[in-house]
Amino acid sequence: MRHLHLLPCREWNPSINLDKLWTLVPQEVRDQAATKKAGEAVPVIDCIANGFFKVTGRGELPKIPFIVRAKDFTESAEKKIKEAGGACEKVK
């Protein structure tokens, strides 16, 4: 008997675009991040905690340093995040 219908969906991979990335951060944290100076703590955007596993590269980002945690990034998303002064953390 086939059991493929009993296996979990292996390709389920919800994604978020760069233009929607800052909506995961509360407004007061966004305001604080915009006024911070170099060397201070930066906001961490945890996509996995918000239900997204992949970050895609559609859209633009503000030139504010930040850290993005996700399971996967597209090449264009990584490039745009690094250009904006951010960092990408791949989480397993």
Foldseek 3Di string as FASTA:
>chain_A
DDDPVVDPDPPDAAEDEPVCQCVQPDPVLVVVQVPDDPPDDAEEREVVVVPGAEYEYPDADALTEYEYEHQYYDPNNQVRNVVSNYYYDHDD
